[in-house]
């Protein structure tokens, strides 16, 4: 998301996200989380993605550590990332003054990108669950097929199993003769 910020004159940014997106209606009193997660740091054209174990940052440390790395060439701003009533986190950026009238567009673009990434993650998780469910159904169907073709007491083929195997053997062999014995 932050990869090309330097091309539009934004030289330093920190992307902090909540652990999970939060729903916050207009009338709700917002209570910030004690921690946010530093997902990416943009320093000029360099993009840094902290290790997962180092992403959790307390609110107290968020500003001190972030702004310490900025050079002060622009205005330090905090932009709330949201789509409608869903809050995703904040973007701390060194925003040039001439881009102040564009910050809403920046918020919208970054927030939409975060939302899309979240939807893609949910989609992948759903696909994985569906695949696992399909595998379970196929295994169950395989077991049911075996149970439907064998006698549960003796384990030998029952009438259905016998007819199925016989059809496989006779398939494509119209001139072949067989002798079959049946005992009950």
Protein backbone atom coordinates (compact mmCIF):
# COMPACT_ATOMS: atom_id res chain seq x y z
CA UNK A 1 0.00 0.00 0.00
CA UNK A 2 2.83 2.42 0.84
CA UNK A 3 5.19 1.33 -1.91
CA UNK A 4 4.77 4.31 -4.23
CA UNK A 5 4.09 7.10 -1.73
CA UNK A 6 7.51 8.63 -2.44
CA UNK A 7 6.43 9.22 -6.06
CA UNK A 8 3.77 11.66 -4.90
CA UNK A 9 6.03 13.47 -2.46
CA UNK A 10 5.27 11.57 0.74
CA UNK A 11 8.66 10.54 2.09
CA UNK A 12 7.85 8.95 5.45
CA UNK A 13 4.83 6.94 6.53
CA UNK A 14 3.88 4.39 9.16
CA UNK A 15 0.87 2.13 8.67
CA UNK A 16 -0.69 1.02 11.96
CA UNK A 17 -3.71 -1.30 11.97
CA UNK A 18 -5.98 -2.60 14.67
CA UNK A 19 -5.74 -6.30 15.38
CA UNK A 20 -9.19 -6.62 13.79
CA UNK A 21 -11.22 -3.93 12.00
CA UNK A 22 -13.59 -2.17 14.39
CA UNK A 23 -17.13 -1.00 13.85
CA UNK A 24 -17.69 2.47 15.27
CA UNK A 25 -20.95 4.31 14.67
CA UNK A 26 -21.21 8.09 14.77
CA UNK A 27 -22.78 8.12 18.24
CA UNK A 28 -20.36 5.58 19.73
CA UNK A 29 -17.70 6.73 22.13
CA UNK A 30 -14.40 5.66 20.62
CA UNK A 31 -12.07 3.90 23.03
CA UNK A 32 -8.69 3.24 21.43
CA UNK A 33 -6.98 -0.11 21.71
CA UNK A 34 -3.96 -0.21 23.97
CA UNK A 35 -1.93 -1.61 21.08
CA UNK A 36 -1.83 -1.18 17.33
CA UNK A 37 0.15 -3.22 14.81
CA UNK A 38 2.85 -1.58 12.71
CA UNK A 39 2.36 -3.28 9.35
CA UNK A 40 4.67 -1.18 7.18
CA UNK A 41 7.15 1.69 7.24
CA UNK A 42 7.83 3.80 4.18
CA UNK A 43 11.09 5.71 4.17
CA UNK A 44 11.51 7.36 0.77
CA UNK A 45 11.47 4.57 -1.81
CA UNK A 46 12.32 1.95 0.83
CA UNK A 47 9.51 -0.16 2.28
CA UNK A 48 10.07 -1.98 5.56
CA UNK A 49 7.72 -4.68 6.82
CA UNK A 50 8.50 -5.47 10.47
CA UNK A 51 8.60 -9.07 11.63
CA UNK A 52 5.27 -10.22 13.05
CA UNK A 53 6.76 -10.47 16.54
CA UNK A 54 7.82 -6.79 16.39
CA UNK A 55 4.61 -5.30 15.00
CA UNK A 56 2.70 -4.81 18.24
CA UNK A 57 3.21 -1.23 19.43
CA UNK A 58 1.62 0.54 22.40
CA UNK A 59 -0.12 3.85 21.80
CA UNK A 60 2.46 5.62 23.96
CA UNK A 61 5.34 4.33 21.84
CA UNK A 62 3.57 4.72 18.50
CA UNK A 63 4.11 8.47 18.19
CA UNK A 64 7.52 8.66 19.81
CA UNK A 65 9.08 5.92 17.68
CA UNK A 66 7.36 6.92 14.44
CA UNK A 67 8.07 10.62 14.47
CA UNK A 68 11.64 10.12 15.63
CA UNK A 69 12.43 8.60 12.22
CA UNK A 70 10.89 11.45 10.23
CA UNK A 71 13.01 14.34 9.01
CA UNK A 72 10.44 17.09 9.56
CA UNK A 73 10.38 18.20 5.91
CA UNK A 74 6.59 18.15 5.80
CA UNK A 75 3.71 18.28 8.23
CA UNK A 76 3.29 15.27 10.47
CA UNK A 77 -0.29 14.08 10.25
CA UNK A 78 -2.31 11.17 11.52
CA UNK A 79 -4.99 9.96 9.13
CA UNK A 80 -7.75 7.66 10.37
CA UNK A 81 -8.23 4.76 8.00
CA UNK A 82 -11.89 3.84 7.62
CA UNK A 83 -14.58 2.82 5.18
CA UNK A 84 -17.99 3.96 6.39
CA UNK A 85 -18.28 2.79 10.00
CA UNK A 86 -15.38 0.32 9.89
CA UNK A 87 -12.09 1.54 11.34
CA UNK A 88 -8.88 -0.16 10.22
CA UNK A 89 -6.17 1.87 11.91
CA UNK A 90 -4.13 4.99 11.27
CA UNK A 91 -1.56 6.24 8.82
CA UNK A 92 1.13 8.50 10.25
CA UNK A 93 2.70 10.47 7.42
CA UNK A 94 4.91 13.37 6.66
CA UNK A 95 2.47 15.04 4.30
CA UNK A 96 3.61 18.03 2.23
CA UNK A 97 1.42 21.10 2.72
CA UNK A 98 0.42 21.19 -0.96
CA UNK A 99 -1.25 17.77 -0.54
CA UNK A 100 -3.47 18.71 2.39
CA UNK A 101 -6.48 19.11 0.13
CA UNK A 102 -5.91 15.57 -1.14
CA UNK A 103 -5.69 13.80 2.23
CA UNK A 104 -9.31 12.60 2.07
CA UNK A 105 -8.59 10.93 -1.25
CA UNK A 106 -5.44 9.39 0.25
CA UNK A 107 -7.44 8.08 3.22
CA UNK A 108 -10.04 6.61 0.89
CA UNK A 109 -7.48 4.89 -1.34
CA UNK A 110 -5.46 3.42 1.53
CA UNK A 111 -8.59 2.36 3.44
CA UNK A 112 -10.09 0.74 0.34
CA UNK A 113 -6.84 -1.15 -0.27
CA UNK A 114 -6.82 -2.41 3.33
CA UNK A 115 -10.47 -3.44 3.03
CA UNK A 116 -9.79 -5.32 -0.22
CA UNK A 117 -6.82 -7.11 1.34
CA UNK A 118 -9.04 -8.12 4.26
CA UNK A 119 -11.72 -9.40 1.88
CA UNK A 120 -9.13 -11.38 -0.06
CA UNK A 121 -7.92 -12.92 3.21
CA UNK A 122 -11.49 -13.88 4.18
CA UNK A 123 -12.04 -15.26 0.67
CA UNK A 124 -8.90 -17.42 0.92
CA UNK A 125 -9.90 -18.68 4.39
CA UNK A 126 -13.38 -19.53 3.06
CA UNK A 127 -11.88 -21.33 0.05
CA UNK A 128 -9.64 -23.34 2.36
CA UNK A 129 -12.59 -24.30 4.59
CA UNK A 130 -14.64 -25.30 1.54
CA UNK A 131 -11.75 -27.41 0.25
CA UNK A 132 -11.44 -29.14 3.63
CA UNK A 133 -15.22 -29.72 3.69
CA UNK A 134 -15.14 -31.14 0.17
CA UNK A 135 -12.28 -33.47 1.17
CA UNK A 136 -14.29 -34.64 4.19
CA UNK A 137 -17.38 -35.23 2.03
CA UNK A 138 -15.32 -37.19 -0.51
CA UNK A 139 -13.81 -39.35 2.23
CA UNK A 140 -17.27 -39.95 3.74
CA UNK A 141 -18.68 -40.83 0.33
CA UNK A 142 -15.82 -43.27 -0.23
CA UNK A 143 -16.54 -44.95 3.10
CA UNK A 144 -20.28 -45.03 2.34
CA UNK A 145 -19.58 -46.56 -1.08
CA UNK A 146 -17.52 -49.33 0.51
CA UNK A 147 -20.19 -49.92 3.18
CA UNK A 148 -22.94 -50.09 0.55
CA UNK A 149 -21.08 -52.80 -1.41
CA UNK A 150 -19.93 -55.11 1.38
CA UNK A 151 -21.63 -57.33 3.90
CA UNK A 152 -20.93 -55.84 7.31
CA UNK A 153 -20.77 -59.24 9.03
CA UNK A 154 -18.42 -61.08 6.64
CA UNK A 155 -16.77 -58.20 4.78
CA UNK A 156 -17.30 -59.86 1.37
CA UNK A 157 -19.11 -58.19 -1.52
CA UNK A 158 -22.89 -58.09 -1.20
CA UNK A 159 -25.31 -58.25 -4.14
CA UNK A 160 -24.72 -54.59 -5.11
CA UNK A 161 -20.94 -55.00 -4.84
CA UNK A 162 -21.03 -58.20 -6.85
CA UNK A 163 -23.11 -56.63 -9.65
CA UNK A 164 -20.83 -53.58 -9.74
CA UNK A 165 -17.66 -55.73 -10.01
CA UNK A 166 -19.28 -58.03 -12.55
CA UNK A 167 -20.24 -55.08 -14.74
CA UNK A 168 -16.66 -53.84 -14.64
CA UNK A 169 -15.37 -57.25 -15.74
CA UNK A 170 -17.98 -57.71 -18.49
CA UNK A 171 -17.72 -54.16 -19.81
CA UNK A 172 -16.28 -54.30 -23.31
CA UNK A 173 -16.21 -58.14 -23.43
CA UNK A 174 -19.50 -59.17 -25.10
CA UNK A 175 -18.21 -62.58 -26.31
CA UNK A 176 -16.81 -63.68 -22.97
CA UNK A 177 -18.57 -66.45 -21.01
CA UNK A 178 -18.50 -66.83 -17.25
CA UNK A 179 -19.71 -69.32 -14.75
CA UNK A 180 -20.90 -67.86 -11.51
CA UNK A 181 -21.77 -69.72 -8.37
CA UNK A 182 -23.85 -68.20 -5.60
CA UNK A 183 -24.19 -69.52 -2.09
CA UNK A 184 -26.20 -68.05 0.76
